[in-house]
N, C-alpha and C. Protein backbone atom coordinates (compact mmCIF):
# COMPACT_ATOMS: atom_id res chain seq x y z
N MET A 1 -40.56 -28.54 -43.68
CA MET A 1 -40.24 -27.23 -43.54
C MET A 1 -41.61 -26.38 -44.21
N LYS A 2 -41.88 -26.93 -45.34
CA LYS A 2 -42.83 -26.10 -45.94
C LYS A 2 -44.28 -26.16 -44.84
N TRP A 3 -44.41 -27.22 -44.28
CA TRP A 3 -45.48 -27.15 -43.30
C TRP A 3 -45.44 -26.12 -42.12
N LEU A 4 -44.20 -26.14 -41.70
CA LEU A 4 -43.67 -25.12 -40.78
C LEU A 4 -43.96 -23.64 -41.26
N ALA A 5 -43.52 -23.54 -42.60
CA ALA A 5 -43.64 -22.18 -43.08
C ALA A 5 -45.21 -21.95 -43.24
N ASP A 6 -46.00 -22.88 -43.74
CA ASP A 6 -47.31 -22.51 -43.97
C ASP A 6 -48.01 -22.33 -42.73
N ASN A 7 -47.80 -23.00 -41.65
CA ASN A 7 -48.53 -23.10 -40.40
C ASN A 7 -47.71 -22.30 -39.28
N GLY A 8 -46.65 -22.02 -39.50
CA GLY A 8 -45.89 -21.07 -38.17
C GLY A 8 -46.93 -19.99 -37.61
N PRO A 9 -47.18 -19.18 -38.54
CA PRO A 9 -48.10 -18.04 -37.84
C PRO A 9 -49.23 -18.28 -37.09
N THR A 10 -49.71 -19.62 -37.62
CA THR A 10 -51.13 -20.02 -36.80
C THR A 10 -50.71 -20.74 -35.51
N ILE A 11 -49.51 -21.51 -35.74
CA ILE A 11 -48.95 -22.12 -34.36
C ILE A 11 -48.45 -20.90 -33.55
N LEU A 12 -48.00 -19.90 -33.79
CA LEU A 12 -47.47 -18.79 -33.07
C LEU A 12 -48.58 -18.15 -32.40
N VAL A 13 -49.63 -17.90 -33.29
CA VAL A 13 -50.82 -17.30 -32.54
C VAL A 13 -51.43 -18.20 -31.47
N PHE A 14 -51.56 -19.54 -31.84
CA PHE A 14 -52.05 -20.52 -30.79
C PHE A 14 -51.20 -20.58 -29.49
N VAL A 15 -49.99 -20.81 -29.68
CA VAL A 15 -48.95 -20.75 -28.55
C VAL A 15 -49.26 -19.38 -27.55
N GLY A 16 -49.39 -18.35 -28.43
CA GLY A 16 -49.51 -17.07 -27.94
C GLY A 16 -50.78 -16.97 -27.09
N ALA A 17 -52.14 -17.44 -27.54
CA ALA A 17 -53.37 -17.50 -26.87
C ALA A 17 -53.10 -18.53 -25.79
N ILE A 18 -52.49 -19.48 -25.73
CA ILE A 18 -52.32 -20.26 -24.57
C ILE A 18 -51.54 -19.52 -23.51
N LEU A 19 -50.45 -19.00 -23.80
CA LEU A 19 -49.72 -18.25 -22.76
C LEU A 19 -50.50 -17.14 -22.19
N GLY A 20 -51.37 -16.25 -23.05
CA GLY A 20 -52.10 -15.33 -22.51
C GLY A 20 -53.23 -15.81 -21.75
N ALA A 21 -53.72 -17.04 -22.02
CA ALA A 21 -54.72 -17.67 -21.12
C ALA A 21 -54.30 -18.05 -19.79
N ALA A 22 -53.08 -18.68 -19.69
CA ALA A 22 -52.14 -19.13 -18.56
C ALA A 22 -51.96 -17.77 -17.80
N GLY A 23 -51.55 -16.67 -18.36
CA GLY A 23 -51.38 -15.54 -17.64
C GLY A 23 -52.44 -14.87 -17.01
N VAL A 24 -53.79 -14.84 -17.71
CA VAL A 24 -54.88 -14.30 -17.28
C VAL A 24 -55.27 -15.29 -15.99
N LEU A 25 -55.09 -16.60 -16.02
CA LEU A 25 -55.48 -17.45 -14.94
C LEU A 25 -54.62 -17.47 -13.78
N TRP A 26 -53.36 -17.22 -14.14
CA TRP A 26 -52.47 -16.96 -13.00
C TRP A 26 -52.77 -15.78 -12.11
N SER A 27 -52.94 -14.41 -13.11
CA SER A 27 -53.31 -13.25 -12.41
C SER A 27 -54.44 -13.51 -11.65
N SER A 28 -55.75 -14.14 -12.20
CA SER A 28 -56.95 -14.05 -11.34
C SER A 28 -56.60 -14.90 -9.97
N VAL A 29 -55.80 -15.90 -9.90
CA VAL A 29 -55.58 -16.58 -8.77
C VAL A 29 -54.79 -15.58 -7.72
N GLN A 30 -53.71 -14.99 -8.55
CA GLN A 30 -53.14 -14.10 -7.42
C GLN A 30 -54.18 -12.86 -7.01
N SER A 31 -55.08 -12.59 -7.68
CA SER A 31 -55.98 -11.48 -7.47
C SER A 31 -56.75 -11.90 -6.28
N ALA A 32 -57.38 -13.40 -6.46
CA ALA A 32 -58.29 -13.81 -5.56
C ALA A 32 -57.73 -13.99 -4.17
N GLU A 33 -56.18 -14.34 -4.19
CA GLU A 33 -55.56 -14.46 -2.90
C GLU A 33 -55.17 -13.08 -2.25
N LYS A 34 -55.04 -12.23 -3.08
CA LYS A 34 -54.93 -10.73 -2.62
C LYS A 34 -56.19 -10.51 -1.98
N ASP A 35 -57.42 -10.74 -2.83
CA ASP A 35 -58.56 -10.21 -2.17
C ASP A 35 -59.04 -10.87 -0.90
N ARG A 36 -58.60 -12.33 -0.59
CA ARG A 36 -58.96 -12.82 0.53
C ARG A 36 -58.07 -12.11 1.78
N GLU A 37 -56.75 -11.88 1.16
CA GLU A 37 -56.03 -11.23 2.32
C GLU A 37 -56.42 -9.78 2.59
N ILE A 38 -57.01 -8.98 1.68
CA ILE A 38 -57.61 -7.90 2.10
C ILE A 38 -58.70 -7.86 3.05
N ALA A 39 -59.67 -8.91 2.77
CA ALA A 39 -61.01 -9.10 3.48
C ALA A 39 -60.43 -9.38 4.75
N ARG A 40 -59.52 -10.44 5.07
CA ARG A 40 -58.83 -10.63 6.44
C ARG A 40 -58.49 -9.59 7.21
N LEU A 41 -57.66 -8.62 6.42
CA LEU A 41 -57.02 -7.57 7.13
C LEU A 41 -58.32 -6.58 7.51
N ASN A 42 -59.28 -6.40 6.48
CA ASN A 42 -60.47 -5.31 6.88
C ASN A 42 -61.09 -5.89 8.19
N ALA A 43 -61.34 -7.56 8.11
CA ALA A 43 -61.71 -7.96 9.30
C ALA A 43 -61.12 -7.62 10.47
N GLU A 44 -59.81 -7.73 10.61
CA GLU A 44 -58.84 -7.64 11.86
C GLU A 44 -59.05 -6.12 12.28
N ILE A 45 -59.09 -5.08 11.25
CA ILE A 45 -59.04 -3.63 11.41
C ILE A 45 -60.51 -3.53 12.07
N GLN A 46 -61.54 -4.06 11.80
CA GLN A 46 -62.83 -3.86 12.43
C GLN A 46 -62.64 -4.34 13.66
N SER A 47 -62.48 -5.64 13.86
CA SER A 47 -62.24 -6.19 15.03
C SER A 47 -61.42 -5.22 16.11
N GLN A 48 -60.45 -4.64 15.77
CA GLN A 48 -59.49 -3.75 16.30
C GLN A 48 -60.27 -2.37 16.86
N ILE A 49 -60.96 -2.00 16.15
CA ILE A 49 -62.14 -0.86 16.25
C ILE A 49 -63.20 -1.17 17.02
N THR A 50 -63.84 -2.36 16.71
CA THR A 50 -65.15 -2.90 17.72
C THR A 50 -64.91 -3.56 18.99
N GLY A 51 -63.81 -4.32 19.05
CA GLY A 51 -63.56 -5.21 20.07
C GLY A 51 -63.88 -6.73 19.69
N GLY A 52 -64.33 -6.89 18.34
CA GLY A 52 -64.14 -8.07 17.87
C GLY A 52 -65.11 -9.32 18.65
N ASP A 53 -64.57 -10.46 18.86
CA ASP A 53 -65.12 -11.49 19.66
C ASP A 53 -64.83 -11.32 20.95
N SER A 54 -63.93 -10.36 21.73
CA SER A 54 -63.47 -10.12 22.74
C SER A 54 -64.61 -9.82 23.90
N PHE A 55 -64.53 -10.20 25.05
CA PHE A 55 -65.31 -9.78 26.32
C PHE A 55 -64.72 -9.71 27.46
N CYS A 56 -65.50 -9.12 28.45
CA CYS A 56 -65.03 -9.19 29.81
C CYS A 56 -65.86 -9.66 30.65
N TYR A 57 -65.64 -10.17 31.96
CA TYR A 57 -66.31 -10.57 32.74
C TYR A 57 -65.82 -10.35 34.37
N VAL A 58 -66.83 -10.30 35.39
CA VAL A 58 -66.64 -10.08 36.76
C VAL A 58 -66.20 -11.45 37.47
N ARG A 59 -65.23 -11.34 38.08
CA ARG A 59 -64.75 -12.29 39.21
C ARG A 59 -64.58 -11.94 40.63
N THR A 60 -64.53 -12.51 41.67
CA THR A 60 -64.07 -12.19 42.88
C THR A 60 -63.01 -12.95 43.41
N THR A 61 -62.21 -12.32 44.49
CA THR A 61 -61.08 -12.85 44.88
C THR A 61 -61.07 -12.44 46.48
N SER A 62 -60.19 -13.22 47.06
CA SER A 62 -60.06 -12.94 48.56
C SER A 62 -58.75 -12.36 48.40
N VAL A 63 -58.78 -11.04 49.24
CA VAL A 63 -57.64 -10.09 49.53
C VAL A 63 -57.20 -10.14 50.90
N LYS A 64 -58.12 -9.90 51.92
CA LYS A 64 -57.79 -9.86 53.28
C LYS A 64 -58.56 -11.02 53.95
N PRO A 65 -57.91 -11.64 54.62
CA PRO A 65 -58.63 -12.77 55.41
C PRO A 65 -59.71 -11.99 56.25
N GLY A 66 -60.78 -12.97 56.14
CA GLY A 66 -62.08 -12.23 56.79
C GLY A 66 -62.93 -11.08 56.15
N GLY A 67 -62.30 -10.43 55.37
CA GLY A 67 -62.86 -9.42 54.50
C GLY A 67 -63.86 -9.89 53.46
N ASP A 68 -64.57 -8.73 52.84
CA ASP A 68 -65.54 -8.96 51.79
C ASP A 68 -64.68 -9.50 50.51
N PRO A 69 -65.46 -10.10 49.57
CA PRO A 69 -64.75 -10.45 48.49
C PRO A 69 -64.32 -9.34 47.56
N VAL A 70 -63.50 -9.17 46.79
CA VAL A 70 -62.99 -8.11 46.05
C VAL A 70 -63.30 -8.53 44.50
N ILE A 71 -63.90 -7.41 43.94
CA ILE A 71 -64.48 -7.60 42.56
C ILE A 71 -63.34 -7.33 41.51
N VAL A 72 -62.94 -8.32 40.66
CA VAL A 72 -62.06 -8.08 39.60
C VAL A 72 -62.71 -8.15 38.34
N VAL A 73 -62.50 -7.38 37.40
CA VAL A 73 -62.86 -7.46 35.82
C VAL A 73 -61.93 -7.88 35.01
N ILE A 74 -62.18 -8.99 34.28
CA ILE A 74 -60.84 -9.78 33.52
C ILE A 74 -61.34 -9.70 31.94
N HIS A 75 -60.40 -9.19 31.13
CA HIS A 75 -60.45 -9.28 29.95
C HIS A 75 -60.20 -10.59 29.29
N LYS A 76 -61.11 -10.81 28.18
CA LYS A 76 -60.86 -12.27 27.58
C LYS A 76 -60.88 -12.21 26.14
N GLY A 77 -60.03 -12.37 25.39
CA GLY A 77 -59.95 -12.31 24.09
C GLY A 77 -58.58 -11.41 23.39
N LYS A 78 -58.51 -11.43 21.94
CA LYS A 78 -57.36 -10.80 21.52
C LYS A 78 -57.37 -9.45 21.20
N PHE A 79 -58.83 -8.75 21.23
CA PHE A 79 -59.04 -7.62 20.80
C PHE A 79 -59.04 -6.28 21.89
N PRO A 80 -59.00 -5.20 21.95
CA PRO A 80 -59.08 -4.25 22.97
C PRO A 80 -60.86 -4.25 22.94
N LEU A 81 -61.27 -3.85 24.30
CA LEU A 81 -62.66 -3.42 24.43
C LEU A 81 -62.68 -1.99 24.90
N TYR A 82 -63.99 -1.39 24.22
CA TYR A 82 -63.99 -0.11 24.33
C TYR A 82 -65.32 0.37 25.03
N ASP A 83 -65.36 1.60 25.75
CA ASP A 83 -66.80 2.17 26.44
C ASP A 83 -67.29 0.96 27.36
N VAL A 84 -66.59 0.32 27.99
CA VAL A 84 -66.88 -0.75 28.80
C VAL A 84 -67.80 -0.08 30.02
N GLN A 85 -69.03 -0.64 30.13
CA GLN A 85 -69.80 -0.35 31.55
C GLN A 85 -70.42 -1.75 32.04
N ILE A 86 -70.26 -2.02 33.16
CA ILE A 86 -70.78 -3.05 34.07
C ILE A 86 -71.76 -2.59 34.89
N ARG A 87 -73.01 -3.26 34.88
CA ARG A 87 -74.12 -3.13 36.01
C ARG A 87 -74.19 -4.41 36.62
N ILE A 88 -74.03 -4.25 38.10
CA ILE A 88 -74.08 -5.53 39.20
C ILE A 88 -75.15 -5.32 39.95
N TRP A 89 -75.90 -6.55 40.23
CA TRP A 89 -77.10 -6.49 41.36
C TRP A 89 -77.29 -7.74 41.57
N GLU A 90 -77.91 -8.00 42.72
CA GLU A 90 -78.35 -9.15 43.26
C GLU A 90 -79.74 -9.27 42.97
N PRO A 91 -80.12 -10.24 42.08
CA PRO A 91 -81.55 -10.52 41.92
C PRO A 91 -82.61 -10.72 42.83
N ALA A 92 -82.04 -11.45 43.89
CA ALA A 92 -83.02 -12.03 45.15
C ALA A 92 -83.21 -10.58 45.92
N GLN A 93 -82.42 -9.54 45.54
CA GLN A 93 -82.89 -8.32 46.30
C GLN A 93 -83.86 -7.34 45.69
N LEU A 94 -83.89 -7.79 44.63
CA LEU A 94 -84.88 -6.79 43.70
C LEU A 94 -86.43 -7.01 44.44
N LYS A 95 -87.20 -6.12 44.65
CA LYS A 95 -88.52 -6.08 45.07
C LYS A 95 -89.47 -6.32 43.87
N SER A 96 -88.80 -5.46 43.03
CA SER A 96 -89.52 -5.39 41.59
C SER A 96 -88.56 -5.41 40.55
N PHE A 97 -89.07 -5.48 39.22
CA PHE A 97 -87.90 -5.18 38.36
C PHE A 97 -88.17 -4.10 37.63
N SER A 98 -88.30 -3.16 38.38
CA SER A 98 -88.61 -1.45 37.75
C SER A 98 -87.26 -0.91 37.48
N TYR A 99 -87.38 0.10 36.76
CA TYR A 99 -85.96 0.89 36.54
C TYR A 99 -85.51 1.59 37.58
N ASP A 100 -86.31 2.08 38.41
CA ASP A 100 -86.10 2.84 39.57
C ASP A 100 -85.20 1.63 40.68
N GLU A 101 -85.96 0.65 40.76
CA GLU A 101 -85.46 -0.39 41.63
C GLU A 101 -84.20 -1.22 41.10
N LEU A 102 -84.06 -1.13 39.86
CA LEU A 102 -82.70 -1.88 39.37
C LEU A 102 -81.63 -0.68 39.44
N MET A 103 -81.92 0.54 39.42
CA MET A 103 -80.89 1.57 39.58
C MET A 103 -80.57 1.74 40.90
N ARG A 104 -81.50 1.58 41.70
CA ARG A 104 -81.25 1.72 43.28
C ARG A 104 -80.43 0.80 43.93
N SER A 105 -80.52 -0.44 43.38
CA SER A 105 -79.62 -1.73 43.93
C SER A 105 -78.68 -2.20 42.82
N SER A 106 -78.05 -1.19 42.00
CA SER A 106 -77.04 -1.83 41.13
C SER A 106 -75.80 -0.85 41.68
N THR A 107 -74.72 -1.76 41.41
CA THR A 107 -73.35 -1.09 41.21
C THR A 107 -72.91 -0.88 40.02
N ILE A 108 -72.67 0.27 39.67
CA ILE A 108 -72.18 0.53 37.99
C ILE A 108 -70.59 0.68 38.04
N LEU A 109 -70.04 0.23 37.30
CA LEU A 109 -68.40 0.27 36.97
C LEU A 109 -68.29 0.83 35.57
N ASN A 110 -67.94 1.99 35.50
CA ASN A 110 -67.40 2.37 34.19
C ASN A 110 -66.04 2.43 33.86
N LEU A 111 -65.61 1.36 33.10
CA LEU A 111 -64.45 1.00 33.32
C LEU A 111 -63.56 1.76 31.79
N GLY A 112 -64.39 2.44 30.94
CA GLY A 112 -63.54 2.78 29.64
C GLY A 112 -63.11 1.69 28.90
N ASN A 113 -61.72 1.76 28.51
CA ASN A 113 -61.19 1.05 27.58
C ASN A 113 -60.38 -0.17 28.26
N LEU A 114 -60.49 -1.51 27.94
CA LEU A 114 -59.66 -2.48 28.47
C LEU A 114 -58.91 -3.11 27.26
N SER A 115 -57.70 -3.13 27.67
CA SER A 115 -56.51 -3.82 26.77
C SER A 115 -56.65 -5.46 27.06
N PRO A 116 -56.40 -6.12 25.97
CA PRO A 116 -56.19 -7.68 26.07
C PRO A 116 -55.40 -7.96 27.31
N GLY A 117 -55.90 -9.16 28.13
CA GLY A 117 -55.16 -9.68 29.28
C GLY A 117 -55.19 -8.73 30.52
N VAL A 118 -56.08 -7.51 30.42
CA VAL A 118 -56.14 -6.67 31.80
C VAL A 118 -57.02 -7.46 32.73
N VAL A 119 -56.52 -7.34 34.22
CA VAL A 119 -57.46 -7.86 35.14
C VAL A 119 -57.34 -6.66 36.15
N ALA A 120 -58.67 -6.12 36.11
CA ALA A 120 -58.88 -4.70 36.63
C ALA A 120 -59.52 -5.00 38.07
N LEU A 121 -58.64 -4.67 39.14
CA LEU A 121 -59.10 -4.75 40.32
C LEU A 121 -60.23 -3.62 40.77
N GLN A 122 -61.34 -3.75 41.23
CA GLN A 122 -62.40 -2.90 41.39
C GLN A 122 -62.71 -2.46 42.78
N GLY A 123 -62.49 -3.34 43.66
CA GLY A 123 -62.82 -2.94 45.13
C GLY A 123 -63.59 -4.00 45.75
N PRO A 124 -63.90 -3.89 47.03
CA PRO A 124 -64.80 -5.07 47.82
C PRO A 124 -66.14 -4.92 47.54
N TYR A 125 -66.79 -5.96 47.38
CA TYR A 125 -68.49 -5.96 47.24
C TYR A 125 -68.71 -6.32 48.74
N LYS A 126 -69.45 -5.29 49.49
CA LYS A 126 -70.02 -5.40 50.58
C LYS A 126 -71.17 -6.52 50.85
N LEU A 127 -70.83 -7.60 51.68
CA LEU A 127 -71.89 -8.73 51.92
C LEU A 127 -72.74 -8.58 53.27
N ASN A 128 -71.95 -7.69 54.21
CA ASN A 128 -72.34 -7.48 55.52
C ASN A 128 -72.84 -8.77 56.21
N GLY A 129 -71.58 -9.56 56.23
CA GLY A 129 -71.59 -10.97 57.01
C GLY A 129 -72.06 -11.97 56.31
N ARG A 130 -72.87 -12.18 55.17
CA ARG A 130 -73.32 -13.10 54.61
C ARG A 130 -72.03 -13.97 54.03
N SER A 131 -72.17 -15.11 53.64
CA SER A 131 -71.17 -16.08 53.21
C SER A 131 -71.47 -16.51 52.00
N GLU A 132 -72.53 -16.09 51.11
CA GLU A 132 -72.80 -16.34 49.74
C GLU A 132 -73.67 -15.43 49.08
N VAL A 133 -73.47 -15.03 47.88
CA VAL A 133 -74.49 -14.19 47.04
C VAL A 133 -74.46 -14.60 45.65
N ALA A 134 -75.62 -14.54 45.29
CA ALA A 134 -75.83 -14.79 43.55
C ALA A 134 -75.97 -13.31 43.03
N LEU A 135 -75.13 -13.03 42.06
CA LEU A 135 -75.00 -11.71 41.51
C LEU A 135 -75.42 -11.77 39.91
N ALA A 136 -75.77 -10.84 39.33
CA ALA A 136 -76.01 -10.81 38.06
C ALA A 136 -75.30 -9.41 37.46
N ALA A 137 -74.88 -9.63 36.18
CA ALA A 137 -74.21 -8.38 35.78
C ALA A 137 -74.70 -8.27 34.06
N GLN A 138 -74.88 -7.06 34.06
CA GLN A 138 -74.94 -6.56 32.40
C GLN A 138 -73.68 -6.02 31.97
N ILE A 139 -72.92 -6.38 30.93
CA ILE A 139 -71.69 -5.91 30.53
C ILE A 139 -72.03 -5.15 29.04
N THR A 140 -71.88 -3.92 28.80
CA THR A 140 -71.91 -3.29 27.59
C THR A 140 -70.44 -2.68 27.16
N ALA A 141 -70.51 -2.88 25.70
CA ALA A 141 -69.06 -2.33 25.31
C ALA A 141 -69.28 -2.27 23.86
N ARG A 142 -68.33 -1.51 23.21
CA ARG A 142 -68.65 -1.07 21.60
C ARG A 142 -69.01 -2.40 20.88
N ASN A 143 -68.82 -3.57 21.21
CA ASN A 143 -68.97 -4.71 20.33
C ASN A 143 -70.52 -5.53 20.80
N GLY A 144 -71.05 -4.98 21.80
CA GLY A 144 -72.34 -5.82 22.22
C GLY A 144 -72.38 -5.76 23.78
N SER A 145 -73.81 -6.40 23.94
CA SER A 145 -73.90 -6.40 25.37
C SER A 145 -73.86 -7.99 25.66
N PHE A 146 -73.47 -8.03 27.16
CA PHE A 146 -73.26 -9.51 27.49
C PHE A 146 -74.06 -9.76 28.76
N GLN A 147 -74.49 -10.73 29.27
CA GLN A 147 -75.17 -11.13 30.52
C GLN A 147 -74.22 -12.08 31.43
N GLN A 148 -74.20 -11.84 32.87
CA GLN A 148 -73.42 -12.78 33.52
C GLN A 148 -73.99 -13.13 34.64
N THR A 149 -73.93 -14.36 35.07
CA THR A 149 -74.33 -14.81 36.41
C THR A 149 -73.04 -15.19 37.28
N LEU A 150 -72.87 -14.64 38.44
CA LEU A 150 -71.76 -14.89 39.19
C LEU A 150 -72.12 -15.29 40.70
N LEU A 151 -71.85 -16.45 40.77
CA LEU A 151 -72.03 -16.98 42.16
C LEU A 151 -70.91 -17.00 43.06
N VAL A 152 -70.93 -16.51 44.32
CA VAL A 152 -69.88 -16.18 45.38
C VAL A 152 -70.24 -16.85 46.39
N LYS A 153 -69.21 -17.67 46.99
CA LYS A 153 -69.44 -18.44 48.38
C LYS A 153 -68.21 -18.57 49.11
N LYS A 154 -68.32 -18.45 50.35
CA LYS A 154 -67.18 -18.47 51.33
C LYS A 154 -66.97 -20.01 51.65
N VAL A 155 -65.75 -20.26 51.22
CA VAL A 155 -65.48 -21.85 51.48
C VAL A 155 -63.97 -21.93 52.27
N LYS A 156 -64.19 -22.33 53.38
CA LYS A 156 -62.86 -22.56 54.45
C LYS A 156 -62.12 -21.14 54.38
N GLY A 157 -62.97 -20.02 54.52
CA GLY A 157 -62.27 -18.75 54.86
C GLY A 157 -61.81 -17.93 53.56
N GLU A 158 -62.23 -18.82 52.35
CA GLU A 158 -61.66 -17.94 51.19
C GLU A 158 -62.90 -17.85 50.21
N TRP A 159 -62.93 -16.63 49.45
CA TRP A 159 -64.11 -16.51 48.63
C TRP A 159 -63.70 -17.13 47.40
N LEU A 160 -64.74 -17.95 46.75
CA LEU A 160 -64.61 -18.79 45.56
C LEU A 160 -65.80 -18.22 44.70
N SER A 161 -65.73 -18.30 43.30
CA SER A 161 -66.55 -18.00 42.59
C SER A 161 -67.04 -18.88 41.43
N ALA A 162 -68.16 -18.83 40.83
CA ALA A 162 -68.59 -19.39 39.48
C ALA A 162 -69.17 -18.52 38.57
N VAL A 163 -68.60 -18.55 37.58
CA VAL A 163 -69.13 -17.46 36.47
C VAL A 163 -69.70 -18.23 34.99
N LYS A 164 -70.88 -17.70 34.60
CA LYS A 164 -71.14 -17.95 33.26
C LYS A 164 -71.66 -16.67 32.49
N VAL A 165 -70.79 -16.70 31.40
CA VAL A 165 -71.12 -15.34 30.56
C VAL A 165 -71.79 -15.57 29.19
N SER A 166 -72.53 -15.07 28.68
CA SER A 166 -73.29 -15.29 27.44
C SER A 166 -73.47 -13.70 26.62
N LYS A 167 -73.52 -14.02 25.33
CA LYS A 167 -73.80 -12.85 24.60
C LYS A 167 -75.28 -12.32 24.93
N LEU A 168 -75.67 -11.30 25.00
CA LEU A 168 -77.13 -10.88 25.19
C LEU A 168 -77.87 -11.28 24.09
N VAL A 169 -77.51 -11.14 22.63
CA VAL A 169 -77.96 -11.36 21.66
C VAL A 169 -77.01 -12.30 20.90
N ASP A 170 -77.29 -13.82 21.20
CA ASP A 170 -76.53 -14.71 20.63
C ASP A 170 -77.26 -15.54 19.46
N GLU A 171 -76.81 -15.11 18.29
CA GLU A 171 -77.26 -15.53 17.05
C GLU A 171 -76.53 -16.88 16.71
N SER A 172 -75.51 -17.30 17.34
CA SER A 172 -74.81 -18.19 16.99
C SER A 172 -75.33 -19.85 17.34
N GLY A 173 -76.00 -19.67 18.49
CA GLY A 173 -76.43 -20.85 18.95
C GLY A 173 -75.44 -21.75 19.70
N LYS A 174 -74.21 -21.08 20.05
CA LYS A 174 -73.19 -21.85 20.59
C LYS A 174 -73.36 -21.79 22.31
N GLY A 175 -74.25 -21.13 22.91
CA GLY A 175 -74.23 -21.20 24.20
C GLY A 175 -73.42 -20.14 24.81
N PRO A 176 -73.15 -20.61 26.16
CA PRO A 176 -72.27 -19.52 26.97
C PRO A 176 -70.99 -19.28 26.43
N LEU A 177 -70.37 -18.11 26.37
CA LEU A 177 -69.11 -17.76 25.91
C LEU A 177 -68.17 -18.40 27.03
N LEU A 178 -68.51 -18.34 28.29
CA LEU A 178 -67.48 -18.91 29.43
C LEU A 178 -68.31 -19.45 30.49
N GLU A 179 -67.92 -20.50 30.84
CA GLU A 179 -68.51 -21.04 32.23
C GLU A 179 -67.42 -21.75 32.80
N GLU A 180 -67.20 -21.39 34.05
CA GLU A 180 -65.78 -21.89 34.88
C GLU A 180 -66.19 -21.42 36.51
N ALA A 181 -65.55 -22.21 37.07
CA ALA A 181 -65.61 -22.09 38.57
C ALA A 181 -64.16 -22.28 39.30
N ASP A 182 -63.94 -21.63 40.36
CA ASP A 182 -62.80 -21.84 41.23
C ASP A 182 -62.64 -23.31 41.49
N ASN A 183 -61.58 -23.76 41.54
CA ASN A 183 -61.45 -25.19 42.22
C ASN A 183 -61.91 -25.34 43.71
N GLY A 184 -62.45 -26.11 44.19
CA GLY A 184 -63.10 -26.24 45.37
C GLY A 184 -64.61 -25.37 45.42
N PHE A 185 -65.13 -24.93 44.29
CA PHE A 185 -66.35 -24.41 44.47
C PHE A 185 -67.27 -25.38 44.58
N PRO A 186 -68.26 -25.31 45.43
CA PRO A 186 -69.51 -26.28 45.76
C PRO A 186 -70.11 -26.73 44.33
N ARG A 187 -70.31 -27.78 44.26
CA ARG A 187 -71.17 -28.44 43.09
C ARG A 187 -72.12 -29.41 43.58
N GLY A 188 -73.04 -29.72 42.62
CA GLY A 188 -73.84 -31.10 43.34
C GLY A 188 -73.27 -32.30 42.94
N THR A 189 -74.06 -33.15 43.45
CA THR A 189 -73.72 -34.67 43.15
C THR A 189 -73.56 -35.13 41.81
N ASP A 190 -74.10 -34.51 40.90
CA ASP A 190 -73.80 -34.58 39.49
C ASP A 190 -72.63 -33.91 38.98
N GLY A 191 -71.90 -33.11 40.01
CA GLY A 191 -70.73 -32.55 39.51
C GLY A 191 -71.04 -31.04 38.84
N ALA A 192 -72.33 -30.78 38.65
CA ALA A 192 -72.60 -29.46 38.22
C ALA A 192 -72.83 -28.43 39.03
N ILE A 193 -72.65 -27.15 38.58
CA ILE A 193 -73.05 -25.99 39.57
C ILE A 193 -74.59 -25.49 39.34
N ALA A 194 -75.05 -25.46 40.51
CA ALA A 194 -76.35 -24.97 40.76
C ALA A 194 -76.49 -23.43 40.34
N TRP A 195 -76.56 -23.16 39.02
CA TRP A 195 -76.89 -21.78 38.59
C TRP A 195 -78.41 -21.43 38.94
N LYS A 196 -78.26 -20.20 39.67
CA LYS A 196 -79.58 -19.69 40.21
C LYS A 196 -80.38 -18.94 39.37
């Protein structure tokens, strides 16, 4: 008992110090978890405001037998897109790559804002009897600029398309964001699409 009486206050201080240190450690763990959650929520808010990693692209579809292909714009991703503008042109039709020539030969779609999952019908693309066309598109939105190649071919009376979309400034090195084609779109003997 004498040992406990002599060392009791020291033991009490030691136990208090250990409990205090454990409390500080527990508090820092909880604080780190809260900091990670706050950072995640801030990133989510920023993506809601800018569009995050969402993008949109142009496809075509057949609406009326024998008619021209119809342009549709498809949203891809979980965040809304804002201030969307798309410029579509036929690179083969450009006599020069001057500003005036590009403006003269471009179709411009001012779409404004696009919600996730939207498929926006834009109307026919006049081909004047041609059965195929290679289009280029530049897509701009609040979250960046994107470039697209769109190949359109009439196969057995139906308009089919192949699409390749990339971020205009891609620092990720991941390559295209999207590369796909309708079932039945013509491919080479190696199964690849002949992007022009």
